[in-house]
């Protein structure tokens, strides 16, 4: 144990004293916060650019349907030919021209209408224009059937069913997706740290092997102690860097938002083109709105302390499993180029966990796929974290699934470390030969 402690200390200090490690530890939060500020600025600039759309209406319809908004302004052309309207729109640099021909029938008018632009228009603009035409056509068809304008307005109101738990607590639409995104963020961090710091372990083994320092080290310690010391030491360095990133980035982001008076809500704001019926009824949603407040309350109800604690647990166990495999690969090859044939099978379960986890947890966090991937040791560190924001117990992850997942991770770690140590013990002193999967299997039998 004394030798293992020395190896852990040596690996930890070697990583944290490295110039690139120190630079990236303090530079990364600045880059991350700078990227957030840049996104906020670009979003603000993008939203401030108003699209100007010209309308040439030769019919008796749509006279009051094109209503200007904060994101879109409509310019009405009158008593002008179509070609002249196109030329004027293009020469003035406007976004596009809506042409509505003169016909007596609304259906024929809609069929022969065109939207002319310099390039292919954006989907959001098309959706807004199509909604205007669609609403007017619906009104006309219903009026033909004897439905009044007042009845149509009542008919067109969207319906949302009230939802609640059996205990009477109100449910919110989309809250499961929000929780899955939060858990997915933690899972994505685990995947990135496994790839980055697992690669550190592999490169460290390759460097010591190619420089023949490993032959001296092995004369003093057992290969298993050396491999375990490298894994634990690099893991502690990664946790140290991650903690510094979280604290410094949070403080820096708060300071930047306060100094530059940036509204965090603006990061996710998107401008939509309203239809004619909704334009007149639009009212700004205040932050104190009841529904908004319910989402805020639900956000703070997420068990953050529990989530962070289990993030550390799954990060450590997941990292130990994958870094053991990385260490075995580093011992089996002579240079980093030869590792490519072994890297993809390692990364594949992590990628599968991210993509399958998102799709399965979004649709049904308690479904068989979500449960299966959250129990399978190579994917559970990511998928289980996607499910944990829902809590533990009723309505969340059953306690037995959580405990089973952790036990399987610990058992898998012990088994993989045992197998990796056998490859490490043989491969650490093998030079000049690129091993195949068949040879690695032979090494496991020694």
Protein backbone atom coordinates (compact mmCIF):
# COMPACT_ATOMS: atom_id res chain seq x y z
CA UNK A 1 0.00 0.00 0.00
CA UNK A 2 2.92 2.35 0.71
CA UNK A 3 4.24 1.88 -2.83
CA UNK A 4 0.76 2.38 -4.27
CA UNK A 5 0.46 5.67 -2.38
CA UNK A 6 3.80 6.84 -3.76
CA UNK A 7 2.73 6.01 -7.31
CA UNK A 8 -0.58 7.84 -6.88
CA UNK A 9 1.25 10.88 -5.50
CA UNK A 10 3.79 10.80 -8.31
CA UNK A 11 1.11 10.57 -11.03
CA UNK A 12 -1.02 13.27 -9.42
CA UNK A 13 1.83 15.75 -9.00
CA UNK A 14 3.15 14.99 -12.50
CA UNK A 15 -0.24 15.93 -13.95
CA UNK A 16 -1.05 19.03 -11.87
CA UNK A 17 2.46 20.49 -12.26
CA UNK A 18 2.39 20.09 -16.02
CA UNK A 19 2.38 23.50 -17.73
CA UNK A 20 -0.36 22.57 -20.20
CA UNK A 21 -2.52 21.25 -17.33
CA UNK A 22 -2.13 24.50 -15.36
CA UNK A 23 -2.76 26.69 -18.41
CA UNK A 24 -5.90 24.79 -19.48
CA UNK A 25 -7.18 24.63 -15.89
CA UNK A 26 -7.36 28.41 -15.65
CA UNK A 27 -7.85 29.21 -19.34
CA UNK A 28 -10.77 26.83 -19.96
CA UNK A 29 -13.26 28.65 -17.66
CA UNK A 30 -12.43 31.93 -19.41
CA UNK A 31 -12.98 30.30 -22.80
CA UNK A 32 -16.26 28.69 -21.67
CA UNK A 33 -17.62 31.92 -20.20
CA UNK A 34 -16.43 33.84 -23.24
CA UNK A 35 -18.29 31.40 -25.48
CA UNK A 36 -21.50 31.89 -23.44
CA UNK A 37 -21.15 35.68 -23.66
CA UNK A 38 -20.42 35.45 -27.40
CA UNK A 39 -23.53 33.29 -27.94
CA UNK A 40 -25.61 35.80 -25.97
CA UNK A 41 -24.23 38.69 -28.02
CA UNK A 42 -24.71 36.94 -31.36
CA UNK A 43 -28.24 35.92 -30.37
CA UNK A 44 -29.05 39.52 -29.48
CA UNK A 45 -27.61 40.79 -32.76
CA UNK A 46 -29.44 38.11 -34.73
CA UNK A 47 -32.77 38.85 -33.03
CA UNK A 48 -32.35 42.59 -33.52
CA UNK A 49 -32.28 42.19 -37.31
CA UNK A 50 -35.85 42.66 -38.49
CA UNK A 51 -36.96 40.89 -41.67
CA UNK A 52 -38.79 43.16 -44.10
CA UNK A 53 -41.28 41.36 -46.34
CA UNK A 54 -43.15 43.13 -49.13
CA UNK A 55 -46.75 42.19 -49.95
CA UNK A 56 -48.38 42.70 -53.35
CA UNK A 57 -52.04 41.84 -52.82
CA UNK A 58 -54.22 42.04 -55.94
CA UNK A 59 -57.13 40.16 -54.38
CA UNK A 60 -59.94 41.17 -52.06
CA UNK A 61 -58.60 38.90 -49.32
CA UNK A 62 -55.82 39.24 -46.70
CA UNK A 63 -56.26 42.99 -46.40
CA UNK A 64 -55.55 43.04 -42.64
CA UNK A 65 -53.77 39.73 -42.14
CA UNK A 66 -50.13 40.79 -42.49
CA UNK A 67 -49.39 42.43 -39.13
CA UNK A 68 -45.86 43.65 -38.35
CA UNK A 69 -44.11 42.26 -35.26
CA UNK A 70 -40.82 42.87 -33.49
CA UNK A 71 -39.06 40.41 -35.79
CA UNK A 72 -40.93 40.98 -39.06
CA UNK A 73 -42.15 44.09 -40.83
CA UNK A 74 -44.53 44.06 -43.80
CA UNK A 75 -44.46 46.66 -46.60
CA UNK A 76 -47.65 46.78 -48.68
CA UNK A 77 -47.31 47.46 -52.42
CA UNK A 78 -50.28 48.89 -54.32
CA UNK A 79 -50.97 49.61 -58.00
CA UNK A 80 -47.68 48.11 -59.17
CA UNK A 81 -46.84 45.28 -61.58
CA UNK A 82 -45.39 42.00 -60.30
CA UNK A 83 -42.04 42.41 -62.08
CA UNK A 84 -41.70 45.97 -60.78
CA UNK A 85 -42.49 44.73 -57.25
CA UNK A 86 -39.80 42.03 -57.56
CA UNK A 87 -37.22 44.57 -58.76
CA UNK A 88 -38.11 47.01 -55.97
CA UNK A 89 -37.88 44.31 -53.31
CA UNK A 90 -34.51 43.09 -54.58
CA UNK A 91 -33.03 46.58 -55.07
CA UNK A 92 -34.06 47.69 -51.59
CA UNK A 93 -32.51 44.58 -50.04
CA UNK A 94 -35.74 43.35 -48.47
CA UNK A 95 -36.14 39.72 -47.42
CA UNK A 96 -38.86 38.71 -49.90
CA UNK A 97 -42.10 39.46 -51.72
CA UNK A 98 -45.47 37.83 -51.09
CA UNK A 99 -47.57 37.91 -54.27
CA UNK A 100 -51.31 37.32 -53.98
CA UNK A 101 -53.05 37.30 -57.39
CA UNK A 102 -56.45 38.78 -58.10
CA UNK A 103 -59.06 36.01 -58.10
CA UNK A 104 -62.64 35.80 -56.89
CA UNK A 105 -62.19 32.47 -55.11
CA UNK A 106 -60.00 32.25 -52.00
CA UNK A 107 -58.92 28.69 -52.75
CA UNK A 108 -57.62 29.73 -56.20
CA UNK A 109 -55.95 32.79 -54.70
CA UNK A 110 -54.07 30.64 -52.18
CA UNK A 111 -53.07 28.07 -54.84
CA UNK A 112 -51.60 30.75 -57.13
CA UNK A 113 -49.85 32.82 -54.43
CA UNK A 114 -46.04 32.90 -54.35
CA UNK A 115 -43.31 33.98 -51.99
CA UNK A 116 -40.30 35.32 -53.91
CA UNK A 117 -36.87 35.53 -52.21
CA UNK A 118 -33.27 35.89 -53.26
CA UNK A 119 -32.31 32.60 -51.60
CA UNK A 120 -34.24 29.74 -50.03
CA UNK A 121 -36.32 31.20 -47.17
CA UNK A 122 -36.02 30.01 -43.59
CA UNK A 123 -38.49 27.51 -42.22
CA UNK A 124 -39.71 29.87 -39.50
CA UNK A 125 -40.64 32.55 -42.07
CA UNK A 126 -42.45 30.02 -44.26
CA UNK A 127 -44.33 28.60 -41.28
CA UNK A 128 -45.56 32.07 -40.35
CA UNK A 129 -46.74 32.93 -43.85
CA UNK A 130 -48.34 29.53 -44.40
CA UNK A 131 -50.18 29.90 -41.10
CA UNK A 132 -51.72 33.18 -42.29
CA UNK A 133 -53.05 31.55 -45.47
CA UNK A 134 -54.14 28.40 -43.67
CA UNK A 135 -56.09 30.33 -41.04
CA UNK A 136 -57.93 32.40 -43.64
CA UNK A 137 -58.80 29.27 -45.67
CA UNK A 138 -60.09 27.52 -42.53
CA UNK A 139 -62.26 30.51 -41.70
CA UNK A 140 -63.70 30.58 -45.20
CA UNK A 141 -64.48 26.85 -45.24
CA UNK A 142 -66.16 27.01 -41.84
CA UNK A 143 -68.18 30.08 -42.86
CA UNK A 144 -69.36 28.15 -45.90
CA UNK A 145 -70.59 25.50 -43.47
CA UNK A 146 -72.46 28.08 -41.42
CA UNK A 147 -69.89 28.65 -38.64
CA UNK A 148 -69.65 32.28 -37.50
CA UNK A 149 -66.41 34.17 -36.86
CA UNK A 150 -67.04 34.06 -33.10
CA UNK A 151 -67.60 30.32 -33.21
CA UNK A 152 -64.47 29.91 -35.30
CA UNK A 153 -62.42 31.80 -32.71
CA UNK A 154 -63.66 29.42 -30.02
CA UNK A 155 -63.01 26.46 -32.32
CA UNK A 156 -59.44 27.59 -32.99
CA UNK A 157 -58.43 27.85 -29.32
CA UNK A 158 -55.73 25.27 -28.50
CA UNK A 159 -56.53 22.72 -25.83
CA UNK A 160 -54.18 21.48 -23.14
CA UNK A 161 -55.35 18.80 -20.77
CA UNK A 162 -54.82 19.31 -17.06
CA UNK A 163 -52.37 16.87 -15.54
CA UNK A 164 -51.59 15.96 -11.96
CA UNK A 165 -50.11 13.16 -9.89
CA UNK A 166 -52.30 10.79 -7.89
CA UNK A 167 -51.43 12.84 -4.81
CA UNK A 168 -52.86 15.97 -6.46
CA UNK A 169 -49.62 17.75 -7.40
CA UNK A 170 -49.75 19.55 -10.76
CA UNK A 171 -47.59 18.15 -13.55
CA UNK A 172 -45.85 20.37 -16.09
CA UNK A 173 -45.55 19.73 -19.80
CA UNK A 174 -41.98 19.02 -20.89
CA UNK A 175 -40.54 18.77 -17.37
CA UNK A 176 -39.31 15.20 -18.02
CA UNK A 177 -37.40 16.41 -21.08
CA UNK A 178 -35.85 19.24 -19.06
CA UNK A 179 -34.74 16.80 -16.36
CA UNK A 180 -33.35 14.44 -18.99
CA UNK A 181 -31.35 17.30 -20.53
CA UNK A 182 -29.90 18.16 -17.11
CA UNK A 183 -28.97 14.54 -16.46
CA UNK A 184 -27.67 14.24 -20.00
CA UNK A 185 -25.37 17.20 -19.35
CA UNK A 186 -23.86 15.38 -16.38
CA UNK A 187 -23.59 12.20 -18.43
CA UNK A 188 -21.90 14.05 -21.28
CA UNK A 189 -19.34 15.46 -18.82
CA UNK A 190 -18.57 11.93 -17.67
CA UNK A 191 -18.09 10.76 -21.26
CA UNK A 192 -15.73 13.65 -22.07
CA UNK A 193 -13.70 13.14 -18.90
CA UNK A 194 -13.40 9.42 -19.54
CA UNK A 195 -12.15 10.03 -23.07
CA UNK A 196 -9.75 12.85 -22.08
CA UNK A 197 -8.28 11.44 -18.87
CA UNK A 198 -8.40 7.84 -20.02
CA UNK A 199 -6.23 8.99 -22.91
CA UNK A 200 -3.86 10.58 -20.39
CA UNK A 201 -3.38 7.20 -18.71
CA UNK A 202 -2.80 5.47 -22.03
CA UNK A 203 -0.26 8.06 -23.23
CA UNK A 204 1.55 7.98 -19.89
CA UNK A 205 1.98 4.21 -20.15
CA UNK A 206 3.16 4.44 -23.76
CA UNK A 207 5.71 7.17 -22.92
CA UNK A 208 7.20 5.18 -20.03
CA UNK A 209 7.24 2.04 -22.13
CA UNK A 210 8.95 3.60 -25.16
CA UNK A 211 11.52 5.41 -22.98
CA UNK A 212 12.31 2.11 -21.18
CA UNK A 213 11.74 3.79 -17.80
CA UNK A 214 9.11 1.16 -17.15
CA UNK A 215 11.79 -1.54 -16.88
CA UNK A 216 13.31 0.28 -13.90
CA UNK A 217 9.96 0.95 -12.27
CA UNK A 218 8.78 -2.64 -12.62
CA UNK A 219 11.85 -3.82 -10.70
CA UNK A 220 10.51 -2.01 -7.62
CA UNK A 221 6.72 -2.37 -7.82
CA UNK A 222 4.26 -4.89 -9.14
CA UNK A 223 2.63 -4.15 -12.53
CA UNK A 224 -0.82 -4.17 -10.91
CA UNK A 225 0.23 -1.53 -8.35
CA UNK A 226 1.72 0.63 -11.09
CA UNK A 227 -1.42 0.42 -13.25
CA UNK A 228 -3.76 1.13 -10.33
CA UNK A 229 -1.59 4.03 -9.15
CA UNK A 230 -1.67 5.64 -12.59
CA UNK A 231 -5.44 5.29 -12.79
CA UNK A 232 -6.15 6.71 -9.33
CA UNK A 233 -3.56 9.51 -9.61
CA UNK A 234 -4.89 10.69 -12.97
CA UNK A 235 -8.45 10.43 -11.67
CA UNK A 236 -7.64 12.71 -8.71
CA UNK A 237 -6.00 15.20 -11.07
CA UNK A 238 -9.11 15.19 -13.24
CA UNK A 239 -11.40 15.77 -10.25
CA UNK A 240 -9.18 18.64 -9.11
CA UNK A 241 -9.30 20.28 -12.52
CA UNK A 242 -13.06 19.76 -12.79
CA UNK A 243 -13.69 21.33 -9.36
CA UNK A 244 -11.58 24.37 -10.28
CA UNK A 245 -13.48 24.70 -13.58
CA UNK A 246 -16.89 24.60 -11.90
CA UNK A 247 -16.06 27.15 -9.20
CA UNK A 248 -14.14 29.60 -11.39
CA UNK A 249 -16.53 29.37 -14.35
CA UNK A 250 -19.57 29.96 -12.12
CA UNK A 251 -18.01 33.01 -10.46
CA UNK A 252 -16.76 34.39 -13.76
CA UNK A 253 -20.13 33.87 -15.48
CA UNK A 254 -22.01 35.64 -12.68
CA UNK A 255 -19.55 38.53 -12.82
CA UNK A 256 -19.79 38.87 -16.62
CA UNK A 257 -23.60 38.71 -16.63
CA UNK A 258 -23.72 41.38 -13.93
CA UNK A 259 -21.12 43.68 -15.51
CA UNK A 260 -22.54 43.55 -19.05
CA UNK A 261 -26.18 43.37 -17.90
CA UNK A 262 -26.92 40.26 -19.97
CA UNK A 263 -30.28 38.54 -19.49
CA UNK A 264 -29.68 34.75 -19.27
CA UNK A 265 -33.18 34.14 -20.63
CA UNK A 266 -32.10 35.76 -23.87
CA UNK A 267 -29.81 32.80 -24.61
CA UNK A 268 -32.76 30.60 -25.43
CA UNK A 269 -35.04 33.19 -26.95
CA UNK A 270 -36.33 32.60 -30.44
CA UNK A 271 -38.43 34.85 -32.57
CA UNK A 272 -41.58 33.31 -34.02
CA UNK A 273 -43.84 34.79 -36.65
CA UNK A 274 -47.37 35.02 -35.24
CA UNK A 275 -50.49 34.43 -37.27
CA UNK A 276 -53.07 37.10 -37.87
CA UNK A 277 -55.34 35.88 -35.07
CA UNK A 278 -52.59 35.62 -32.48
CA UNK A 279 -50.90 38.92 -33.31
CA UNK A 280 -53.66 40.98 -31.77
CA UNK A 281 -53.86 38.80 -28.68
CA UNK A 282 -50.16 38.62 -27.94
CA UNK A 283 -49.05 39.88 -24.55
CA UNK A 284 -45.56 39.78 -23.06
CA UNK A 285 -45.04 36.97 -20.61
CA UNK A 286 -43.75 38.36 -17.37
CA UNK A 287 -41.22 36.41 -15.32
CA UNK A 288 -43.77 36.35 -12.53
CA UNK A 289 -46.31 34.48 -14.65
CA UNK A 290 -47.86 31.55 -12.79
CA UNK A 291 -46.76 28.92 -15.28
CA UNK A 292 -43.24 30.31 -15.43
CA UNK A 293 -43.08 30.23 -11.66
CA UNK A 294 -44.20 26.60 -11.62
CA UNK A 295 -41.28 25.68 -13.90
CA UNK A 296 -38.89 27.63 -11.68
CA UNK A 297 -40.22 25.84 -8.61
CA UNK A 298 -39.89 22.49 -10.36
CA UNK A 299 -36.31 23.36 -11.34
CA UNK A 300 -35.37 24.00 -7.71
CA UNK A 301 -37.13 20.80 -6.64
CA UNK A 302 -34.57 18.78 -8.59
CA UNK A 303 -32.40 17.00 -5.98
CA UNK A 304 -29.18 18.79 -6.93
CA UNK A 305 -27.13 17.62 -3.93
CA UNK A 306 -28.08 13.99 -4.56
CA UNK A 307 -27.45 14.41 -8.28
CA UNK A 308 -23.97 15.88 -7.75
CA UNK A 309 -23.07 13.16 -5.21
CA UNK A 310 -24.06 10.38 -7.59
CA UNK A 311 -22.32 12.21 -10.42
CA UNK A 312 -19.08 11.83 -8.44
CA UNK A 313 -19.85 8.16 -7.72
CA UNK A 314 -20.60 7.29 -11.34
CA UNK A 315 -17.76 9.44 -12.61
CA UNK A 316 -15.22 7.64 -10.39
CA UNK A 317 -16.54 4.12 -11.09
CA UNK A 318 -16.98 4.76 -14.82
CA UNK A 319 -13.56 6.33 -15.07
CA UNK A 320 -11.91 3.47 -13.20
CA UNK A 321 -13.45 0.93 -15.58
CA UNK A 322 -12.53 2.69 -18.80
CA UNK A 323 -9.12 3.93 -17.67
CA UNK A 324 -8.17 0.34 -16.81
CA UNK A 325 -8.91 -0.58 -20.41
CA UNK A 326 -6.93 2.45 -21.63
CA UNK A 327 -3.97 1.41 -19.46
CA UNK A 328 -4.09 -2.12 -20.90
CA UNK A 329 -4.12 -0.72 -24.45
CA UNK A 330 -1.19 1.57 -23.64
CA UNK A 331 0.77 -1.42 -22.36
CA UNK A 332 -0.05 -3.51 -25.43
CA UNK A 333 1.24 -1.07 -28.07
CA UNK A 334 4.46 0.82 -28.75
CA UNK A 335 3.04 4.09 -30.09
CA UNK A 336 -0.21 6.03 -30.10
CA UNK A 337 -0.86 5.27 -33.79
CA UNK A 338 -1.30 1.58 -33.02
CA UNK A 339 -4.06 2.33 -30.50
CA UNK A 340 -6.62 3.29 -33.16
CA UNK A 341 -7.83 -0.28 -33.73
CA UNK A 342 -8.62 -0.61 -30.01
CA UNK A 343 -10.06 2.86 -29.27
CA UNK A 344 -13.32 2.66 -31.21
CA UNK A 345 -14.68 -0.42 -29.38
CA UNK A 346 -14.07 1.48 -26.11
CA UNK A 347 -15.77 4.71 -27.20
CA UNK A 348 -18.72 2.88 -28.82
CA UNK A 349 -20.58 2.09 -25.54
CA UNK A 350 -20.16 5.72 -24.43
CA UNK A 351 -21.59 7.05 -27.70
CA UNK A 352 -24.37 4.49 -27.54
CA UNK A 353 -25.19 5.57 -23.99
CA UNK A 354 -25.51 9.24 -25.03
CA UNK A 355 -27.70 8.75 -28.09
CA UNK A 356 -29.82 5.79 -26.98
CA UNK A 357 -30.08 7.28 -23.50
CA UNK A 358 -31.48 10.55 -24.82
CA UNK A 359 -34.08 8.87 -27.01
CA UNK A 360 -35.17 6.29 -24.44
CA UNK A 361 -35.17 8.53 -21.36
CA UNK A 362 -37.02 11.33 -23.19
CA UNK A 363 -39.84 9.06 -24.29
CA UNK A 364 -40.05 6.79 -21.25
CA UNK A 365 -37.49 7.04 -18.41
CA UNK A 366 -38.89 3.84 -16.86
CA UNK A 367 -39.06 1.82 -20.07
CA UNK A 368 -37.10 -1.40 -20.60
CA UNK A 369 -34.43 0.23 -22.81
CA UNK A 370 -33.79 3.08 -20.37
CA UNK A 371 -33.68 0.68 -17.41
CA UNK A 372 -31.48 -1.82 -19.26
CA UNK A 373 -28.92 0.76 -20.34
CA UNK A 374 -28.91 2.31 -16.84
CA UNK A 375 -28.00 -1.10 -15.37
CA UNK A 376 -25.47 -2.21 -18.00
CA UNK A 377 -22.09 -1.22 -16.46
CA UNK A 378 -20.50 0.24 -19.62
CA UNK A 379 -23.44 2.62 -20.21
CA UNK A 380 -24.95 3.08 -16.73
CA UNK A 381 -22.71 6.03 -15.66
CA UNK A 382 -24.35 8.12 -18.38
CA UNK A 383 -27.90 6.76 -18.71
CA UNK A 384 -28.54 6.49 -14.96
CA UNK A 385 -27.61 10.16 -14.53
CA UNK A 386 -30.21 11.04 -17.17
CA UNK A 387 -32.86 9.34 -15.02
CA UNK A 388 -31.72 10.59 -11.59
CA UNK A 389 -33.04 14.20 -11.90
CA UNK A 390 -36.48 12.64 -11.40
CA UNK A 391 -35.41 11.59 -7.91
CA UNK A 392 -35.16 8.22 -6.17
CA UNK A 393 -38.20 6.21 -5.21
CA UNK A 394 -41.77 6.91 -6.27
CA UNK A 395 -41.86 8.71 -9.60
CA UNK A 396 -38.09 8.43 -9.99
CA UNK A 397 -35.46 5.71 -10.13
CA UNK A 398 -36.35 2.74 -7.90
CA UNK A 399 -33.80 2.27 -5.14
CA UNK A 400 -33.11 -1.32 -6.13
CA UNK A 401 -32.17 -0.25 -9.66
CA UNK A 402 -29.77 2.39 -8.34
CA UNK A 403 -28.11 -0.02 -5.93
CA UNK A 404 -27.95 -2.78 -8.55
CA UNK A 405 -26.32 -0.37 -10.99
CA UNK A 406 -23.62 0.63 -8.49
CA UNK A 407 -22.96 -2.98 -7.44
CA UNK A 408 -22.64 -4.04 -11.08
CA UNK A 409 -20.24 -1.16 -11.70
CA UNK A 410 -18.06 -2.17 -8.76
CA UNK A 411 -18.08 -5.83 -9.83
CA UNK A 412 -17.31 -4.90 -13.44
CA UNK A 413 -14.48 -2.65 -12.30
CA UNK A 414 -12.89 -5.46 -10.30
CA UNK A 415 -13.26 -7.88 -13.21
CA UNK A 416 -11.90 -5.46 -15.82
CA UNK A 417 -9.01 -4.43 -13.59
CA UNK A 418 -8.13 -8.09 -13.15
CA UNK A 419 -8.23 -8.68 -16.92
CA UNK A 420 -6.44 -5.41 -17.71
CA UNK A 421 -3.72 -6.26 -15.19
CA UNK A 422 -3.01 -9.53 -17.01
CA UNK A 423 -2.63 -7.68 -20.32
CA UNK A 424 -0.62 -4.93 -18.61
CA UNK A 425 1.71 -7.45 -16.93
CA UNK A 426 2.66 -9.06 -20.25
CA UNK A 427 2.39 -6.13 -22.63
CA UNK A 428 4.36 -3.61 -20.54
CA UNK A 429 7.63 -5.29 -21.52
CA UNK A 430 6.68 -6.23 -25.10
CA UNK A 431 8.38 -4.15 -27.79
CA UNK A 432 8.45 -3.96 -31.57
CA UNK A 433 5.25 -5.86 -32.30
CA UNK A 434 1.71 -4.69 -32.97
CA UNK A 435 -0.60 -7.05 -31.06
CA UNK A 436 -3.83 -8.43 -32.47
CA UNK A 437 -7.01 -9.29 -30.62
CA UNK A 438 -6.00 -12.95 -30.79
CA UNK A 439 -2.70 -12.23 -29.04
CA UNK A 440 -4.41 -10.15 -26.38
CA UNK A 441 -6.65 -13.13 -25.68
CA UNK A 442 -3.55 -15.31 -25.26
CA UNK A 443 -2.10 -12.83 -22.79
CA UNK A 444 -5.26 -13.12 -20.70
CA UNK A 445 -4.61 -16.86 -20.35
CA UNK A 446 -1.05 -16.46 -19.03
